[in-house]
């Protein structure tokens, strides 16, 4: 019985950074327009004049594409911040935040909260591509502060800095009906996070 020749491996073509950015912008626009559940790979393909095959070659599916778009949309990575002081590092996270962009991003994340709850694959993709790398970078930032002697190594608040930062973003719209803009976050860091760290 003749054997079939081996099938060639699927080659992942590399998109240019400009094309990748265009695809991500389309994904975010569709998310804002229709939400996660109604967003489809067909709609992304139509909006960007791409083939679905191209999308699936680059991303395993919709969760990874959405997580990639959200990561690309971040104004900066925490891994790129190293000012030499813990206050400088924490302030650099928020000092250049654009108010309009932050409002749009906050609205986008509020819209995704139900989808994250309903779709474990989206939650997993967001953790892998967005949350875990940023937490690792924040932990590295805090380790540098400990190494410099700015924060005591046994300070229990070290385990809760990510929670405090996220809490600031989530709480202000609920408590004050106002977005957590850069000025508010700067004050919050000085009034809450740094005292908790003893810095």
C-alpha atoms as a PDB file:
ATOM      1  CA  UNK A   1       0.000   0.000   0.000  1.00  0.00           C
ATOM      2  CA  UNK A   2       1.613   3.296  -1.097  1.00  0.00           C
ATOM      3  CA  UNK A   3       2.259   5.841   1.604  1.00  0.00           C
ATOM      4  CA  UNK A   4       1.243   9.455   1.194  1.00  0.00           C
ATOM      5  CA  UNK A   5       4.033  12.035   1.095  1.00  0.00           C
ATOM      6  CA  UNK A   6       4.240  14.078   4.308  1.00  0.00           C
ATOM      7  CA  UNK A   7       2.210  17.254   4.294  1.00  0.00           C
ATOM      8  CA  UNK A   8       4.270  20.440   4.378  1.00  0.00           C
ATOM      9  CA  UNK A   9       4.264  22.288   7.689  1.00  0.00           C
ATOM     10  CA  UNK A  10       2.036  25.319   7.826  1.00  0.00           C
ATOM     11  CA  UNK A  11       4.284  28.359   7.576  1.00  0.00           C
ATOM     12  CA  UNK A  12       3.330  31.327   9.691  1.00  0.00           C
ATOM     13  CA  UNK A  13       3.759  34.411   7.564  1.00  0.00           C
ATOM     14  CA  UNK A  14       4.971  37.505   9.336  1.00  0.00           C
ATOM     15  CA  UNK A  15       2.820  40.595   9.164  1.00  0.00           C
ATOM     16  CA  UNK A  16       4.493  43.971   8.991  1.00  0.00           C
ATOM     17  CA  UNK A  17       4.153  46.044  12.187  1.00  0.00           C
ATOM     18  CA  UNK A  18       1.964  48.501  10.280  1.00  0.00           C
ATOM     19  CA  UNK A  19      -0.386  45.768   9.093  1.00  0.00           C
ATOM     20  CA  UNK A  20      -0.528  44.201  12.543  1.00  0.00           C
ATOM     21  CA  UNK A  21      -1.383  47.591  14.060  1.00  0.00           C
ATOM     22  CA  UNK A  22      -4.127  48.066  11.457  1.00  0.00           C
ATOM     23  CA  UNK A  23      -5.653  44.706  12.371  1.00  0.00           C
ATOM     24  CA  UNK A  24      -5.502  45.474  16.080  1.00  0.00           C
ATOM     25  CA  UNK A  25      -7.160  48.862  15.600  1.00  0.00           C
ATOM     26  CA  UNK A  26      -9.974  47.187  13.674  1.00  0.00           C
ATOM     27  CA  UNK A  27     -10.449  44.642  16.457  1.00  0.00           C
ATOM     28  CA  UNK A  28     -10.685  47.373  19.106  1.00  0.00           C
ATOM     29  CA  UNK A  29     -13.114  49.381  16.968  1.00  0.00           C
ATOM     30  CA  UNK A  30     -15.331  46.329  16.534  1.00  0.00           C
ATOM     31  CA  UNK A  31     -15.155  45.561  20.243  1.00  0.00           C
ATOM     32  CA  UNK A  32     -16.406  49.060  21.034  1.00  0.00           C
ATOM     33  CA  UNK A  33     -19.135  48.819  18.381  1.00  0.00           C
ATOM     34  CA  UNK A  34     -20.555  45.345  18.942  1.00  0.00           C
ATOM     35  CA  UNK A  35     -18.894  43.820  22.025  1.00  0.00           C
ATOM     36  CA  UNK A  36     -16.935  40.613  22.380  1.00  0.00           C
ATOM     37  CA  UNK A  37     -19.753  38.124  21.796  1.00  0.00           C
ATOM     38  CA  UNK A  38     -20.796  39.664  18.485  1.00  0.00           C
ATOM     39  CA  UNK A  39     -17.235  40.179  17.261  1.00  0.00           C
ATOM     40  CA  UNK A  40     -16.305  37.503  14.716  1.00  0.00           C
ATOM     41  CA  UNK A  41     -13.204  36.626  12.748  1.00  0.00           C
ATOM     42  CA  UNK A  42     -15.338  37.136   9.624  1.00  0.00           C
ATOM     43  CA  UNK A  43     -16.062  40.715  10.694  1.00  0.00           C
ATOM     44  CA  UNK A  44     -12.380  41.411  11.378  1.00  0.00           C
ATOM     45  CA  UNK A  45     -11.436  39.917   8.012  1.00  0.00           C
ATOM     46  CA  UNK A  46     -14.037  42.033   6.223  1.00  0.00           C
ATOM     47  CA  UNK A  47     -13.086  45.235   8.066  1.00  0.00           C
ATOM     48  CA  UNK A  48      -9.387  44.800   7.303  1.00  0.00           C
ATOM     49  CA  UNK A  49      -9.615  43.163   3.869  1.00  0.00           C
ATOM     50  CA  UNK A  50      -7.714  40.176   5.243  1.00  0.00           C
ATOM     51  CA  UNK A  51      -8.434  36.499   4.816  1.00  0.00           C
ATOM     52  CA  UNK A  52      -9.599  34.427   7.754  1.00  0.00           C
ATOM     53  CA  UNK A  53      -6.728  32.065   6.978  1.00  0.00           C
ATOM     54  CA  UNK A  54      -4.281  34.908   7.613  1.00  0.00           C
ATOM     55  CA  UNK A  55      -5.941  35.712  10.931  1.00  0.00           C
ATOM     56  CA  UNK A  56      -5.876  32.108  12.099  1.00  0.00           C
ATOM     57  CA  UNK A  57      -2.228  31.744  11.059  1.00  0.00           C
ATOM     58  CA  UNK A  58      -1.270  34.686  13.259  1.00  0.00           C
ATOM     59  CA  UNK A  59      -3.638  34.054  16.173  1.00  0.00           C
ATOM     60  CA  UNK A  60      -5.166  30.773  17.335  1.00  0.00           C
ATOM     61  CA  UNK A  61      -8.602  32.361  17.502  1.00  0.00           C
ATOM     62  CA  UNK A  62     -10.679  35.287  18.654  1.00  0.00           C
ATOM     63  CA  UNK A  63      -9.509  35.273  22.319  1.00  0.00           C
ATOM     64  CA  UNK A  64      -5.840  35.552  21.328  1.00  0.00           C
ATOM     65  CA  UNK A  65      -6.596  38.211  18.712  1.00  0.00           C
ATOM     66  CA  UNK A  66      -8.526  40.333  21.225  1.00  0.00           C
ATOM     67  CA  UNK A  67      -5.849  39.900  23.913  1.00  0.00           C
ATOM     68  CA  UNK A  68      -3.164  40.839  21.397  1.00  0.00           C
ATOM     69  CA  UNK A  69      -5.091  43.961  20.394  1.00  0.00           C
ATOM     70  CA  UNK A  70      -5.458  45.045  24.018  1.00  0.00           C
ATOM     71  CA  UNK A  71      -1.754  44.485  24.673  1.00  0.00           C
ATOM     72  CA  UNK A  72      -0.831  46.452  21.539  1.00  0.00           C
ATOM     73  CA  UNK A  73      -3.124  49.288  22.673  1.00  0.00           C
ATOM     74  CA  UNK A  74      -1.215  49.794  25.931  1.00  0.00           C
ATOM     75  CA  UNK A  75       0.639  53.136  25.881  1.00  0.00           C
ATOM     76  CA  UNK A  76       3.705  51.586  27.557  1.00  0.00           C
ATOM     77  CA  UNK A  77       4.965  48.396  29.110  1.00  0.00           C
ATOM     78  CA  UNK A  78       5.947  48.329  32.759  1.00  0.00           C
ATOM     79  CA  UNK A  79       9.062  46.423  31.708  1.00  0.00           C
ATOM     80  CA  UNK A  80      10.304  49.616  30.009  1.00  0.00           C
ATOM     81  CA  UNK A  81      10.135  51.687  33.212  1.00  0.00           C
ATOM     82  CA  UNK A  82      13.207  52.109  35.426  1.00  0.00           C
ATOM     83  CA  UNK A  83      13.627  55.636  36.793  1.00  0.00           C
ATOM     84  CA  UNK A  84      15.851  54.672  39.727  1.00  0.00           C
ATOM     85  CA  UNK A  85      13.249  55.211  42.467  1.00  0.00           C
ATOM     86  CA  UNK A  86      10.060  53.384  43.382  1.00  0.00           C
ATOM     87  CA  UNK A  87       8.089  56.645  43.376  1.00  0.00           C
ATOM     88  CA  UNK A  88       9.463  57.584  39.985  1.00  0.00           C
ATOM     89  CA  UNK A  89       8.632  54.139  38.597  1.00  0.00           C
ATOM     90  CA  UNK A  90       5.068  54.166  39.925  1.00  0.00           C
ATOM     91  CA  UNK A  91       4.476  57.732  38.754  1.00  0.00           C
ATOM     92  CA  UNK A  92       5.862  56.877  35.300  1.00  0.00           C
ATOM     93  CA  UNK A  93       3.106  54.295  35.012  1.00  0.00           C
ATOM     94  CA  UNK A  94       0.472  57.041  35.001  1.00  0.00           C
ATOM     95  CA  UNK A  95       2.020  60.505  34.520  1.00  0.00           C
ATOM     96  CA  UNK A  96       1.706  60.526  30.737  1.00  0.00           C
ATOM     97  CA  UNK A  97      -1.763  59.001  30.675  1.00  0.00           C
ATOM     98  CA  UNK A  98      -4.072  60.662  28.175  1.00  0.00           C
ATOM     99  CA  UNK A  99      -7.485  61.350  29.772  1.00  0.00           C
ATOM    100  CA  UNK A 100      -9.568  60.625  26.661  1.00  0.00           C
ATOM    101  CA  UNK A 101      -7.662  57.441  25.950  1.00  0.00           C
ATOM    102  CA  UNK A 102      -8.006  56.288  29.558  1.00  0.00           C
ATOM    103  CA  UNK A 103     -11.776  56.856  29.441  1.00  0.00           C
ATOM    104  CA  UNK A 104     -12.045  54.821  26.238  1.00  0.00           C
ATOM    105  CA  UNK A 105      -9.856  52.056  27.635  1.00  0.00           C
ATOM    106  CA  UNK A 106     -11.832  51.936  30.881  1.00  0.00           C
ATOM    107  CA  UNK A 107     -15.109  51.703  28.953  1.00  0.00           C
ATOM    108  CA  UNK A 108     -13.649  48.938  26.806  1.00  0.00           C
ATOM    109  CA  UNK A 109     -12.547  46.936  29.853  1.00  0.00           C
ATOM    110  CA  UNK A 110     -15.933  47.407  31.545  1.00  0.00           C
ATOM    111  CA  UNK A 111     -17.541  46.027  28.415  1.00  0.00           C
ATOM    112  CA  UNK A 112     -15.229  43.024  28.486  1.00  0.00           C
ATOM    113  CA  UNK A 113     -15.856  42.122  32.126  1.00  0.00           C
ATOM    114  CA  UNK A 114     -18.916  40.001  31.371  1.00  0.00           C
ATOM    115  CA  UNK A 115     -17.172  38.361  28.415  1.00  0.00           C
ATOM    116  CA  UNK A 116     -14.190  37.479  30.625  1.00  0.00           C
ATOM    117  CA  UNK A 117     -16.592  35.859  33.080  1.00  0.00           C
ATOM    118  CA  UNK A 118     -18.480  33.969  30.357  1.00  0.00           C
ATOM    119  CA  UNK A 119     -15.499  32.884  28.218  1.00  0.00           C
ATOM    120  CA  UNK A 120     -12.681  31.056  30.046  1.00  0.00           C
ATOM    121  CA  UNK A 121     -10.623  31.002  26.830  1.00  0.00           C
ATOM    122  CA  UNK A 122     -10.682  34.823  26.713  1.00  0.00           C
ATOM    123  CA  UNK A 123      -9.741  35.026  30.390  1.00  0.00           C
ATOM    124  CA  UNK A 124      -6.839  32.636  29.796  1.00  0.00           C
ATOM    125  CA  UNK A 125      -5.599  34.576  26.758  1.00  0.00           C
ATOM    126  CA  UNK A 126      -5.777  37.893  28.620  1.00  0.00           C
ATOM    127  CA  UNK A 127      -3.855  36.439  31.554  1.00  0.00           C
ATOM    128  CA  UNK A 128      -1.157  34.946  29.308  1.00  0.00           C
ATOM    129  CA  UNK A 129      -0.674  37.902  26.965  1.00  0.00           C
ATOM    130  CA  UNK A 130      -1.554  40.909  29.089  1.00  0.00           C
ATOM    131  CA  UNK A 131      -1.889  40.342  32.832  1.00  0.00           C
ATOM    132  CA  UNK A 132       0.964  37.965  33.674  1.00  0.00           C
ATOM    133  CA  UNK A 133       3.701  39.892  31.787  1.00  0.00           C
ATOM    134  CA  UNK A 134       2.668  43.150  33.474  1.00  0.00           C
ATOM    135  CA  UNK A 135       2.527  41.539  36.922  1.00  0.00           C
ATOM    136  CA  UNK A 136       6.004  40.087  36.348  1.00  0.00           C
ATOM    137  CA  UNK A 137       7.287  43.540  35.346  1.00  0.00           C
ATOM    138  CA  UNK A 138       5.662  45.138  38.401  1.00  0.00           C
ATOM    139  CA  UNK A 139       7.241  42.516  40.665  1.00  0.00           C
ATOM    140  CA  UNK A 140      10.646  43.229  39.084  1.00  0.00           C
ATOM    141  CA  UNK A 141      10.082  46.951  39.690  1.00  0.00           C
ATOM    142  CA  UNK A 142       9.312  46.286  43.356  1.00  0.00           C
ATOM    143  CA  UNK A 143      12.321  43.952  43.729  1.00  0.00           C
ATOM    144  CA  UNK A 144      14.547  46.804  42.541  1.00  0.00           C
ATOM    145  CA  UNK A 145      12.986  49.024  45.210  1.00  0.00           C
ATOM    146  CA  UNK A 146      13.760  46.403  47.845  1.00  0.00           C
ATOM    147  CA  UNK A 147      17.323  46.002  46.549  1.00  0.00           C
ATOM    148  CA  UNK A 148      17.829  49.786  46.762  1.00  0.00           C
ATOM    149  CA  UNK A 149      16.587  49.762  50.359  1.00  0.00           C
ATOM    150  CA  UNK A 150      13.505  51.875  49.615  1.00  0.00           C
ATOM    151  CA  UNK A 151      11.067  49.145  50.700  1.00  0.00           C
ATOM    152  CA  UNK A 152      11.523  46.585  53.446  1.00  0.00           C
ATOM    153  CA  UNK A 153      11.693  43.044  52.006  1.00  0.00           C
ATOM    154  CA  UNK A 154       9.102  41.787  54.514  1.00  0.00           C
ATOM    155  CA  UNK A 155       6.596  44.600  53.878  1.00  0.00           C
ATOM    156  CA  UNK A 156       3.237  42.814  53.445  1.00  0.00           C
ATOM    157  CA  UNK A 157       1.989  45.528  51.041  1.00  0.00           C
ATOM    158  CA  UNK A 158       4.401  44.230  48.367  1.00  0.00           C
ATOM    159  CA  UNK A 159       1.914  41.449  47.615  1.00  0.00           C
ATOM    160  CA  UNK A 160      -0.926  43.906  47.016  1.00  0.00           C
ATOM    161  CA  UNK A 161       0.468  46.675  44.821  1.00  0.00           C
ATOM    162  CA  UNK A 162      -1.171  45.275  41.668  1.00  0.00           C
ATOM    163  CA  UNK A 163      -4.474  45.068  43.556  1.00  0.00           C
ATOM    164  CA  UNK A 164      -4.142  48.669  44.734  1.00  0.00           C
ATOM    165  CA  UNK A 165      -3.393  49.974  41.238  1.00  0.00           C
ATOM    166  CA  UNK A 166      -6.270  48.058  39.685  1.00  0.00           C
ATOM    167  CA  UNK A 167      -8.513  49.125  42.547  1.00  0.00           C
ATOM    168  CA  UNK A 168      -7.823  52.774  41.789  1.00  0.00           C
ATOM    169  CA  UNK A 169      -8.880  52.301  38.169  1.00  0.00           C
ATOM    170  CA  UNK A 170     -12.049  50.431  39.085  1.00  0.00           C
ATOM    171  CA  UNK A 171     -13.162  52.317  42.194  1.00  0.00           C
ATOM    172  CA  UNK A 172     -13.152  55.967  41.131  1.00  0.00           C
ATOM    173  CA  UNK A 173     -15.814  55.605  38.418  1.00  0.00           C
ATOM    174  CA  UNK A 174     -18.027  53.747  40.919  1.00  0.00           C
ATOM    175  CA  UNK A 175     -17.434  56.009  43.922  1.00  0.00           C
ATOM    176  CA  UNK A 176     -17.125  59.414  42.239  1.00  0.00           C
ATOM    177  CA  UNK A 177     -18.602  58.794  38.771  1.00  0.00           C
ATOM    178  CA  UNK A 178     -15.359  60.148  37.302  1.00  0.00           C
ATOM    179  CA  UNK A 179     -12.587  58.375  35.389  1.00  0.00           C
ATOM    180  CA  UNK A 180      -9.264  57.544  37.036  1.00  0.00           C
ATOM    181  CA  UNK A 181      -7.148  60.064  35.131  1.00  0.00           C
ATOM    182  CA  UNK A 182      -3.422  60.689  35.465  1.00  0.00           C
ATOM    183  CA  UNK A 183      -3.775  63.442  38.083  1.00  0.00           C
ATOM    184  CA  UNK A 184      -5.976  61.246  40.284  1.00  0.00           C
ATOM    185  CA  UNK A 185      -3.634  58.260  39.956  1.00  0.00           C
ATOM    186  CA  UNK A 186      -0.624  60.429  40.832  1.00  0.00           C
ATOM    187  CA  UNK A 187      -2.341  61.530  44.040  1.00  0.00           C
ATOM    188  CA  UNK A 188      -3.433  57.967  44.772  1.00  0.00           C
ATOM    189  CA  UNK A 189       0.119  56.660  44.454  1.00  0.00           C
ATOM    190  CA  UNK A 190       1.418  59.313  46.846  1.00  0.00           C
ATOM    191  CA  UNK A 191      -1.444  58.964  49.347  1.00  0.00           C
ATOM    192  CA  UNK A 192      -2.029  55.212  49.330  1.00  0.00           C
ATOM    193  CA  UNK A 193       0.584  53.026  47.635  1.00  0.00           C
ATOM    194  CA  UNK A 194       3.817  54.687  48.744  1.00  0.00           C
ATOM    195  CA  UNK A 195       2.759  54.977  52.413  1.00  0.00           C
ATOM    196  CA  UNK A 196       1.701  51.330  52.355  1.00  0.00           C
ATOM    197  CA  UNK A 197       5.163  50.447  51.043  1.00  0.00           C
ATOM    198  CA  UNK A 198       6.835  52.680  53.634  1.00  0.00           C
ATOM    199  CA  UNK A 199       8.558  54.548  50.809  1.00  0.00           C
END
